[in-house]
PDB file of N, CA and C in Angstrom:
ATOM      1  N   MET A   1       0.983  -0.954  -0.324  1.00  0.00           N
ATOM      2  CA  MET A   1       0.021   0.070   0.260  1.00  0.00           C
ATOM      3  C   MET A   1       1.176   1.169  -0.073  1.00  0.00           C
ATOM      4  N   GLY A   2       1.028   2.412  -0.711  1.00  0.00           N
ATOM      5  CA  GLY A   2       0.892   3.230  -0.763  1.00  0.00           C
ATOM      6  C   GLY A   2       2.258   3.416  -1.575  1.00  0.00           C
ATOM      7  N   CYS A   3       2.554   2.254  -2.608  1.00  0.00           N
ATOM      8  CA  CYS A   3       3.951   2.134  -2.789  1.00  0.00           C
ATOM      9  C   CYS A   3       4.277   3.229  -4.136  1.00  0.00           C
ATOM     10  N   PRO A   4       6.000   3.606  -3.965  1.00  0.00           N
ATOM     11  CA  PRO A   4       5.933   4.990  -4.600  1.00  0.00           C
ATOM     12  C   PRO A   4       6.108   4.654  -6.535  1.00  0.00           C
ATOM     13  N   LEU A   5       5.971   3.641  -6.381  1.00  0.00           N
ATOM     14  CA  LEU A   5       5.695   2.948  -7.790  1.00  0.00           C
ATOM     15  C   LEU A   5       4.408   2.758  -8.777  1.00  0.00           C
ATOM     16  N   ALA A   6       3.759   2.896  -8.232  1.00  0.00           N
ATOM     17  CA  ALA A   6       2.338   2.869  -8.557  1.00  0.00           C
ATOM     18  C   ALA A   6       1.982   3.857  -8.912  1.00  0.00           C
ATOM     19  N   LYS A   7       0.798   3.970  -9.584  1.00  0.00           N
ATOM     20  CA  LYS A   7       0.294   4.760  -9.943  1.00  0.00           C
ATOM     21  C   LYS A   7      -0.246   6.284  -9.554  1.00  0.00           C
ATOM     22  N   LYS A   8      -0.215   7.364  -9.971  1.00  0.00           N
ATOM     23  CA  LYS A   8      -0.393   8.287  -8.963  1.00  0.00           C
ATOM     24  C   LYS A   8      -1.860   8.452  -8.271  1.00  0.00           C
ATOM     25  N   SER A   9      -2.841   7.558  -9.021  1.00  0.00           N
ATOM     26  CA  SER A   9      -4.505   7.702  -9.306  1.00  0.00           C
ATOM     27  C   SER A   9      -4.186   6.408  -7.970  1.00  0.00           C
ATOM     28  N   GLN A  10      -3.230   5.643  -7.865  1.00  0.00           N
ATOM     29  CA  GLN A  10      -3.611   4.392  -6.856  1.00  0.00           C
ATOM     30  C   GLN A  10      -3.071   4.803  -5.546  1.00  0.00           C
ATOM     31  N   ARG A  11      -1.849   5.379  -6.050  1.00  0.00           N
ATOM     32  CA  ARG A  11      -1.560   6.221  -3.929  1.00  0.00           C
ATOM     33  C   ARG A  11      -2.504   6.825  -3.846  1.00  0.00           C
ATOM     34  N   ILE A  12      -3.292   8.203  -4.584  1.00  0.00           N
ATOM     35  CA  ILE A  12      -3.753   9.102  -3.822  1.00  0.00           C
ATOM     36  C   ILE A  12      -4.931   7.803  -3.674  1.00  0.00           C
ATOM     37  N   GLN A  13      -5.469   6.951  -3.962  1.00  0.00           N
ATOM     38  CA  GLN A  13      -6.541   6.447  -3.649  1.00  0.00           C
ATOM     39  C   GLN A  13      -6.889   5.845  -1.772  1.00  0.00           C
ATOM     40  N   GLU A  14      -5.219   4.657  -1.956  1.00  0.00           N
ATOM     41  CA  GLU A  14      -4.647   3.854  -1.274  1.00  0.00           C
ATOM     42  C   GLU A  14      -4.699   5.106   0.034  1.00  0.00           C
ATOM     43  N   PHE A  15      -4.181   6.489   0.357  1.00  0.00           N
ATOM     44  CA  PHE A  15      -3.992   7.164   1.480  1.00  0.00           C
ATOM     45  C   PHE A  15      -5.542   7.644   1.684  1.00  0.00           C
ATOM     46  N   ARG A  16      -6.092   8.066   0.385  1.00  0.00           N
ATOM     47  CA  ARG A  16      -7.929   8.165   1.197  1.00  0.00           C
ATOM     48  C   ARG A  16      -8.336   7.359   1.796  1.00  0.00           C
ATOM     49  N   ASP A  17      -8.760   6.100   1.959  1.00  0.00           N
ATOM     50  CA  ASP A  17      -8.649   4.978   2.015  1.00  0.00           C
ATOM     51  C   ASP A  17      -8.273   4.044   3.235  1.00  0.00           C
ATOM     52  N   HIS A  18      -6.799   4.165   3.684  1.00  0.00           N
ATOM     53  CA  HIS A  18      -6.153   4.598   5.197  1.00  0.00           C
ATOM     54  C   HIS A  18      -5.518   5.729   5.434  1.00  0.00           C
ATOM     55  N   PRO A  19      -6.360   6.978   5.572  1.00  0.00           N
ATOM     56  CA  PRO A  19      -5.493   8.140   6.175  1.00  0.00           C
ATOM     57  C   PRO A  19      -4.646   7.907   7.137  1.00  0.00           C
ATOM     58  N   GLY A  20      -5.013   6.606   8.069  1.00  0.00           N
ATOM     59  CA  GLY A  20      -3.736   5.881   9.749  1.00  0.00           C
ATOM     60  C   GLY A  20      -2.334   5.909   9.017  1.00  0.00           C
ATOM     61  N   LEU A  21      -2.484   5.465   7.652  1.00  0.00           N
ATOM     62  CA  LEU A  21      -0.738   5.420   6.767  1.00  0.00           C
ATOM     63  C   LEU A  21      -0.495   6.461   6.627  1.00  0.00           C
ATOM     64  N   ILE A  22      -1.339   7.145   6.239  1.00  0.00           N
ATOM     65  CA  ILE A  22       0.147   8.845   5.532  1.00  0.00           C
ATOM     66  C   ILE A  22       0.580   9.183   7.177  1.00  0.00           C
ATOM     67  N   ARG A  23      -0.574   9.061   8.580  1.00  0.00           N
ATOM     68  CA  ARG A  23       0.396   9.764   9.549  1.00  0.00           C
ATOM     69  C   ARG A  23       1.745   8.635  10.128  1.00  0.00           C
ATOM     70  N   MET A  24       1.778   7.093   9.743  1.00  0.00           N
ATOM     71  CA  MET A  24       2.470   5.950   9.977  1.00  0.00           C
ATOM     72  C   MET A  24       4.131   6.704   9.055  1.00  0.00           C
ATOM     73  N   TRP A  25       2.914   7.039   8.063  1.00  0.00           N
ATOM     74  CA  TRP A  25       4.843   6.987   6.621  1.00  0.00           C
ATOM     75  C   TRP A  25       5.592   8.390   7.971  1.00  0.00           C
ATOM     76  N   LEU A  26       4.670   9.099   8.476  1.00  0.00           N
ATOM     77  CA  LEU A  26       5.919  10.462   8.101  1.00  0.00           C
ATOM     78  C   LEU A  26       6.314   9.818   9.041  1.00  0.00           C
ATOM     79  N   ARG A  27       5.699   9.242  10.634  1.00  0.00           N
ATOM     80  CA  ARG A  27       6.460   8.939  11.781  1.00  0.00           C
ATOM     81  C   ARG A  27       7.951   8.342  11.740  1.00  0.00           C
ATOM     82  N   ALA A  28       7.833   7.170  10.304  1.00  0.00           N
ATOM     83  CA  ALA A  28       8.697   6.552   9.636  1.00  0.00           C
ATOM     84  C   ALA A  28       9.829   7.186   8.321  1.00  0.00           C
ATOM     85  N   GLY A  29       9.138   8.852   8.471  1.00  0.00           N
ATOM     86  CA  GLY A  29      10.056   9.307   7.275  1.00  0.00           C
ATOM     87  C   GLY A  29      10.847  10.502   7.893  1.00  0.00           C
ATOM     88  N   GLN A  30       9.840  10.802   9.440  1.00  0.00           N
ATOM     89  CA  GLN A  30      11.083  11.785   9.792  1.00  0.00           C
ATOM     90  C   GLN A  30      11.807  11.556  11.204  1.00  0.00           C
ATOM     91  N   LYS A  31      11.847  10.138  11.526  1.00  0.00           N
ATOM     92  CA  LYS A  31      12.692   9.090  12.502  1.00  0.00           C
ATOM     93  C   LYS A  31      14.075   8.977  11.511  1.00  0.00           C
ATOM     94  N   TYR A  32      13.282   8.797  10.380  1.00  0.00           N
ATOM     95  CA  TYR A  32      14.747   8.272   9.071  1.00  0.00           C
ATOM     96  C   TYR A  32      15.732  10.667   9.107  1.00  0.00           C
ATOM     97  N   LEU A  33      14.397  11.485   8.590  1.00  0.00           N
ATOM     98  CA  LEU A  33      15.665  12.387   8.600  1.00  0.00           C
ATOM     99  C   LEU A  33      15.856  12.625  10.271  1.00  0.00           C
ATOM    100  N   ASP A  34      15.582  12.277  11.583  1.00  0.00           N
ATOM    101  CA  ASP A  34      15.659  12.996  12.556  1.00  0.00           C
ATOM    102  C   ASP A  34      17.610  11.878  12.617  1.00  0.00           C
ATOM    103  N   THR A  35      17.637  11.063  12.024  1.00  0.00           N
ATOM    104  CA  THR A  35      18.743   9.555  12.463  1.00  0.00           C
ATOM    105  C   THR A  35      19.627  10.070  10.776  1.00  0.00           C
ATOM    106  N   HIS A  36      19.455  10.631   9.656  1.00  0.00           N
ATOM    107  CA  HIS A  36      20.258  11.267   8.645  1.00  0.00           C
ATOM    108  C   HIS A  36      20.142  11.887   8.546  1.00  0.00           C
ATOM    109  N   PRO A  37      20.869  13.099   9.008  1.00  0.00           N
ATOM    110  CA  PRO A  37      20.651  14.303   9.132  1.00  0.00           C
ATOM    111  C   PRO A  37      21.167  14.881   7.505  1.00  0.00           C
ATOM    112  N   ASN A  38      22.256  14.335   7.259  1.00  0.00           N
ATOM    113  CA  ASN A  38      23.180  14.270   5.708  1.00  0.00           C
ATOM    114  C   ASN A  38      22.429  14.226   4.438  1.00  0.00           C
ATOM    115  N   ASN A  39      21.242  13.566   4.141  1.00  0.00           N
ATOM    116  CA  ASN A  39      20.956  12.682   3.187  1.00  0.00           C
ATOM    117  C   ASN A  39      20.248  13.504   2.793  1.00  0.00           C
ATOM    118  N   ARG A  40      19.661  13.095   0.971  1.00  0.00           N
ATOM    119  CA  ARG A  40      20.093  13.758  -0.412  1.00  0.00           C
ATOM    120  C   ARG A  40      18.484  13.812   0.167  1.00  0.00           C
ATOM    121  N   ILE A  41      17.836  13.985   0.274  1.00  0.00           N
ATOM    122  CA  ILE A  41      15.740  14.322   0.705  1.00  0.00           C
ATOM    123  C   ILE A  41      16.147  15.360   1.267  1.00  0.00           C
ATOM    124  N   ALA A  42      17.261  15.986   2.084  1.00  0.00           N
ATOM    125  CA  ALA A  42      17.223  17.455   2.651  1.00  0.00           C
ATOM    126  C   ALA A  42      17.595  17.987   0.979  1.00  0.00           C
ATOM    127  N   GLU A  43      17.593  17.812   0.462  1.00  0.00           N
ATOM    128  CA  GLU A  43      18.528  18.863  -0.836  1.00  0.00           C
ATOM    129  C   GLU A  43      17.395  19.296  -1.605  1.00  0.00           C
ATOM    130  N   TYR A  44      16.215  18.279  -1.621  1.00  0.00           N
ATOM    131  CA  TYR A  44      15.188  18.317  -1.618  1.00  0.00           C
ATOM    132  C   TYR A  44      13.332  18.886  -1.093  1.00  0.00           C
ATOM    133  N   TYR A  45      13.848  18.594   0.094  1.00  0.00           N
ATOM    134  CA  TYR A  45      12.236  19.232   1.015  1.00  0.00           C
ATOM    135  C   TYR A  45      12.805  19.645   2.114  1.00  0.00           C
ATOM    136  N   ASN A  46      11.992  20.670   2.884  1.00  0.00           N
ATOM    137  CA  ASN A  46      12.775  21.311   4.007  1.00  0.00           C
ATOM    138  C   ASN A  46      11.712  20.509   4.606  1.00  0.00           C
ATOM    139  N   ASP A  47      10.945  20.135   4.668  1.00  0.00           N
ATOM    140  CA  ASP A  47      10.095  18.617   5.875  1.00  0.00           C
ATOM    141  C   ASP A  47       9.488  17.342   5.537  1.00  0.00           C
ATOM    142  N   VAL A  48       9.339  16.877   6.377  1.00  0.00           N
ATOM    143  CA  VAL A  48       9.059  15.208   6.261  1.00  0.00           C
ATOM    144  C   VAL A  48       6.990  15.750   5.235  1.00  0.00           C
ATOM    145  N   TYR A  49       6.920  16.613   5.519  1.00  0.00           N
ATOM    146  CA  TYR A  49       5.623  17.060   4.374  1.00  0.00           C
ATOM    147  C   TYR A  49       5.610  17.273   3.444  1.00  0.00           C
ATOM    148  N   GLU A  50       6.886  17.451   2.851  1.00  0.00           N
ATOM    149  CA  GLU A  50       6.864  18.411   1.506  1.00  0.00           C
ATOM    150  C   GLU A  50       7.099  16.843   0.420  1.00  0.00           C
ATOM    151  N   TRP A  51       8.388  16.006   1.664  1.00  0.00           N
ATOM    152  CA  TRP A  51       8.981  15.038   1.107  1.00  0.00           C
ATOM    153  C   TRP A  51       7.752  14.201   0.517  1.00  0.00           C
ATOM    154  N   MET A  52       6.159  14.084   2.268  1.00  0.00           N
ATOM    155  CA  MET A  52       4.893  12.763   1.704  1.00  0.00           C
ATOM    156  C   MET A  52       4.472  13.629   0.857  1.00  0.00           C
ATOM    157  N   ALA A  53       4.349  14.410   0.876  1.00  0.00           N
ATOM    158  CA  ALA A  53       3.055  15.117  -0.870  1.00  0.00           C
ATOM    159  C   ALA A  53       3.860  14.555  -2.409  1.00  0.00           C
ATOM    160  N   MET A  54       5.086  15.089  -1.903  1.00  0.00           N
ATOM    161  CA  MET A  54       6.514  14.532  -3.173  1.00  0.00           C
ATOM    162  C   MET A  54       5.748  12.795  -4.159  1.00  0.00           C
ATOM    163  N   GLN A  55       5.370  12.336  -2.427  1.00  0.00           N
ATOM    164  CA  GLN A  55       5.827  11.059  -3.108  1.00  0.00           C
ATOM    165  C   GLN A  55       4.367  10.318  -2.939  1.00  0.00           C
ATOM    166  N   ILE A  56       3.156  11.090  -2.374  1.00  0.00           N
ATOM    167  CA  ILE A  56       1.525  10.962  -2.624  1.00  0.00           C
ATOM    168  C   ILE A  56       1.538  11.603  -4.190  1.00  0.00           C
ATOM    169  N   PHE A  57       1.570  13.057  -4.464  1.00  0.00           N
ATOM    170  CA  PHE A  57       0.860  13.946  -5.602  1.00  0.00           C
ATOM    171  C   PHE A  57       1.975  13.906  -6.745  1.00  0.00           C
ATOM    172  N   CYS A  58       3.104  13.418  -6.445  1.00  0.00           N
ATOM    173  CA  CYS A  58       4.497  13.713  -7.848  1.00  0.00           C
ATOM    174  C   CYS A  58       4.938  12.294  -8.097  1.00  0.00           C
ATOM    175  N   ASP A  59       5.432  12.405  -9.125  1.00  0.00           N
ATOM    176  CA  ASP A  59       6.161  11.082 -10.198  1.00  0.00           C
ATOM    177  C   ASP A  59       7.662  11.442  -9.673  1.00  0.00           C
ATOM    178  N   THR A  60       8.247  12.904 -10.398  1.00  0.00           N
ATOM    179  CA  THR A  60       9.209  13.882 -10.074  1.00  0.00           C
ATOM    180  C   THR A  60       9.591  14.685  -9.451  1.00  0.00           C
ATOM    181  N   VAL A  61      11.092  15.134  -8.652  1.00  0.00           N
ATOM    182  CA  VAL A  61      11.166  16.462  -8.004  1.00  0.00           C
ATOM    183  C   VAL A  61      10.241  17.322  -8.572  1.00  0.00           C
ATOM    184  N   HIS A  62      10.651  17.401 -10.334  1.00  0.00           N
ATOM    185  CA  HIS A  62      10.488  18.547 -10.780  1.00  0.00           C
ATOM    186  C   HIS A  62       8.898  18.213 -10.980  1.00  0.00           C
ATOM    187  N   GLU A  63       8.111  17.668 -10.997  1.00  0.00           N
ATOM    188  CA  GLU A  63       6.866  18.301 -11.214  1.00  0.00           C
ATOM    189  C   GLU A  63       6.399  18.787  -9.316  1.00  0.00           C
ATOM    190  N   PHE A  64       7.661  17.752  -8.386  1.00  0.00           N
ATOM    191  CA  PHE A  64       6.647  18.552  -7.166  1.00  0.00           C
ATOM    192  C   PHE A  64       6.965  20.160  -6.389  1.00  0.00           C
ATOM    193  N   LYS A  65       8.529  20.668  -7.644  1.00  0.00           N
ATOM    194  CA  LYS A  65       8.590  22.306  -7.632  1.00  0.00           C
ATOM    195  C   LYS A  65       7.815  22.736  -8.338  1.00  0.00           C
ATOM    196  N   GLU A  66       6.886  22.108  -9.404  1.00  0.00           N
ATOM    197  CA  GLU A  66       6.275  22.615 -10.261  1.00  0.00           C
ATOM    198  C   GLU A  66       4.364  23.133  -8.953  1.00  0.00           C
ATOM    199  N   LYS A  67       3.979  22.009  -8.605  1.00  0.00           N
ATOM    200  CA  LYS A  67       2.931  22.085  -8.237  1.00  0.00           C
ATOM    201  C   LYS A  67       3.369  22.746  -6.578  1.00  0.00           C
ATOM    202  N   PHE A  68       4.113  22.217  -5.889  1.00  0.00           N
ATOM    203  CA  PHE A  68       4.354  22.914  -4.211  1.00  0.00           C
ATOM    204  C   PHE A  68       5.049  23.664  -4.217  1.00  0.00           C
ATOM    205  N   GLY A  69       6.243  24.531  -5.042  1.00  0.00           N
ATOM    206  CA  GLY A  69       7.225  25.615  -4.766  1.00  0.00           C
ATOM    207  C   GLY A  69       6.299  26.963  -5.021  1.00  0.00           C
ATOM    208  N   PRO A  70       7.811  27.828  -4.534  1.00  0.00           N
ATOM    209  CA  PRO A  70       7.132  29.012  -4.926  1.00  0.00           C
ATOM    210  C   PRO A  70       6.379  29.364  -6.557  1.00  0.00           C
ATOM    211  N   ASN A  71       5.297  30.361  -6.544  1.00  0.00           N
ATOM    212  CA  ASN A  71       5.169  30.813  -7.854  1.00  0.00           C
ATOM    213  C   ASN A  71       4.447  32.452  -7.412  1.00  0.00           C
ATOM    214  N   LEU A  72       4.395  32.652  -8.691  1.00  0.00           N
ATOM    215  CA  LEU A  72       4.189  33.904  -9.235  1.00  0.00           C
ATOM    216  C   LEU A  72       3.472  34.940  -8.047  1.00  0.00           C
ATOM    217  N   PHE A  73       2.338  33.943  -8.232  1.00  0.00           N
ATOM    218  CA  PHE A  73       1.134  34.235  -7.467  1.00  0.00           C
ATOM    219  C   PHE A  73       0.564  33.948  -5.952  1.00  0.00           C
ATOM    220  N   TYR A  74       1.474  32.897  -5.627  1.00  0.00           N
ATOM    221  CA  TYR A  74       0.766  32.542  -4.258  1.00  0.00           C
ATOM    222  C   TYR A  74       2.603  31.824  -3.590  1.00  0.00           C
ATOM    223  N   GLY A  75       3.032  32.059  -3.044  1.00  0.00           N
ATOM    224  CA  GLY A  75       3.893  31.239  -1.803  1.00  0.00           C
ATOM    225  C   GLY A  75       4.171  30.230  -1.912  1.00  0.00           C
ATOM    226  N   LYS A  76       4.945  29.390  -1.386  1.00  0.00           N
ATOM    227  CA  LYS A  76       5.048  28.071  -1.045  1.00  0.00           C
ATOM    228  C   LYS A  76       4.241  27.099  -0.398  1.00  0.00           C
ATOM    229  N   VAL A  77       3.780  26.432  -1.211  1.00  0.00           N
ATOM    230  CA  VAL A  77       2.872  25.813  -0.266  1.00  0.00           C
ATOM    231  C   VAL A  77       2.775  24.972   1.473  1.00  0.00           C
ATOM    232  N   ASP A  78       2.296  25.427   1.940  1.00  0.00           N
ATOM    233  CA  ASP A  78       2.170  24.466   3.162  1.00  0.00           C
ATOM    234  C   ASP A  78       1.298  22.739   3.018  1.00  0.00           C
ATOM    235  N   CYS A  79       2.656  22.268   2.792  1.00  0.00           N
ATOM    236  CA  CYS A  79       2.717  21.176   2.478  1.00  0.00           C
ATOM    237  C   CYS A  79       1.818  20.046   3.493  1.00  0.00           C
ATOM    238  N   LYS A  80       1.821  20.439   4.992  1.00  0.00           N
ATOM    239  CA  LYS A  80       1.087  19.910   5.870  1.00  0.00           C
ATOM    240  C   LYS A  80      -0.345  20.550   5.868  1.00  0.00           C
ATOM    241  N   LYS A  81      -0.556  21.487   5.177  1.00  0.00           N
ATOM    242  CA  LYS A  81      -1.758  21.992   5.642  1.00  0.00           C
ATOM    243  C   LYS A  81      -2.889  21.289   4.641  1.00  0.00           C
ATOM    244  N   TYR A  82      -2.301  21.564   3.021  1.00  0.00           N
ATOM    245  CA  TYR A  82      -2.247  21.206   2.090  1.00  0.00           C
ATOM    246  C   TYR A  82      -2.958  19.013   2.368  1.00  0.00           C
ATOM    247  N   LEU A  83      -1.653  18.916   2.961  1.00  0.00           N
ATOM    248  CA  LEU A  83      -1.643  17.133   2.915  1.00  0.00           C
ATOM    249  C   LEU A  83      -3.332  17.241   4.573  1.00  0.00           C
ATOM    250  N   GLU A  84      -3.544  17.479   4.981  1.00  0.00           N
ATOM    251  CA  GLU A  84      -4.697  17.977   6.295  1.00  0.00           C
ATOM    252  C   GLU A  84      -5.953  18.225   5.537  1.00  0.00           C
ATOM    253  N   ASP A  85      -5.538  19.102   4.383  1.00  0.00           N
ATOM    254  CA  ASP A  85      -7.262  19.720   3.581  1.00  0.00           C
ATOM    255  C   ASP A  85      -7.303  18.444   2.618  1.00  0.00           C
ATOM    256  N   TYR A  86      -6.520  18.170   2.139  1.00  0.00           N
ATOM    257  CA  TYR A  86      -7.095  16.956   1.120  1.00  0.00           C
ATOM    258  C   TYR A  86      -7.541  15.787   1.547  1.00  0.00           C
ATOM    259  N   PHE A  87      -6.533  15.302   2.794  1.00  0.00           N
ATOM    260  CA  PHE A  87      -7.393  14.156   3.272  1.00  0.00           C
ATOM    261  C   PHE A  87      -9.052  14.243   4.378  1.00  0.00           C
ATOM    262  N   ASN A  88      -8.661  15.558   4.873  1.00  0.00           N
ATOM    263  CA  ASN A  88      -9.810  16.096   5.462  1.00  0.00           C
ATOM    264  C   ASN A  88      -9.425  14.642   6.553  1.00  0.00           C
ATOM    265  N   PHE A  89      -7.485  14.927   7.638  1.00  0.00           N
ATOM    266  CA  PHE A  89      -7.187  14.273   8.377  1.00  0.00           C
ATOM    267  C   PHE A  89      -6.046  14.966   9.028  1.00  0.00           C
ATOM    268  N   ASP A  90      -6.421  14.684  10.594  1.00  0.00           N
ATOM    269  CA  ASP A  90      -4.510  16.007  11.247  1.00  0.00           C
ATOM    270  C   ASP A  90      -3.727  15.212  11.250  1.00  0.00           C
ATOM    271  N   LEU A  91      -2.616  15.644  11.142  1.00  0.00           N
ATOM    272  CA  LEU A  91      -1.658  14.740  10.410  1.00  0.00           C
ATOM    273  C   LEU A  91      -0.917  15.234  11.739  1.00  0.00           C
ATOM    274  N   THR A  92      -0.656  15.550  12.851  1.00  0.00           N
ATOM    275  CA  THR A  92       0.411  16.754  13.782  1.00  0.00           C
ATOM    276  C   THR A  92       0.719  14.966  14.316  1.00  0.00           C
ATOM    277  N   LEU A  93       2.351  15.163  14.148  1.00  0.00           N
ATOM    278  CA  LEU A  93       3.294  14.054  13.940  1.00  0.00           C
ATOM    279  C   LEU A  93       3.360  14.174  16.616  1.00  0.00           C
TER     280      LEU A  93
END
């Protein structure tokens, strides 16, 4: 469930069906980031919520930057709020 190699629509549906899975992925991801401070993930994402949003909604880092990065009209997207609003689920760790 939630395999990053699955189609985007399938990933989204699996996380909609099992919102608790998102929280588990976030906790595991945060643990990884805490124990591996010099990892490549930190080059692309500011926090675990950005990383999770990329894993669910995007297929590439470029797509993530286009969708969630700063743009001309809005600032950078708050990925935690975006995930909470999208899945209607509190994701506070």
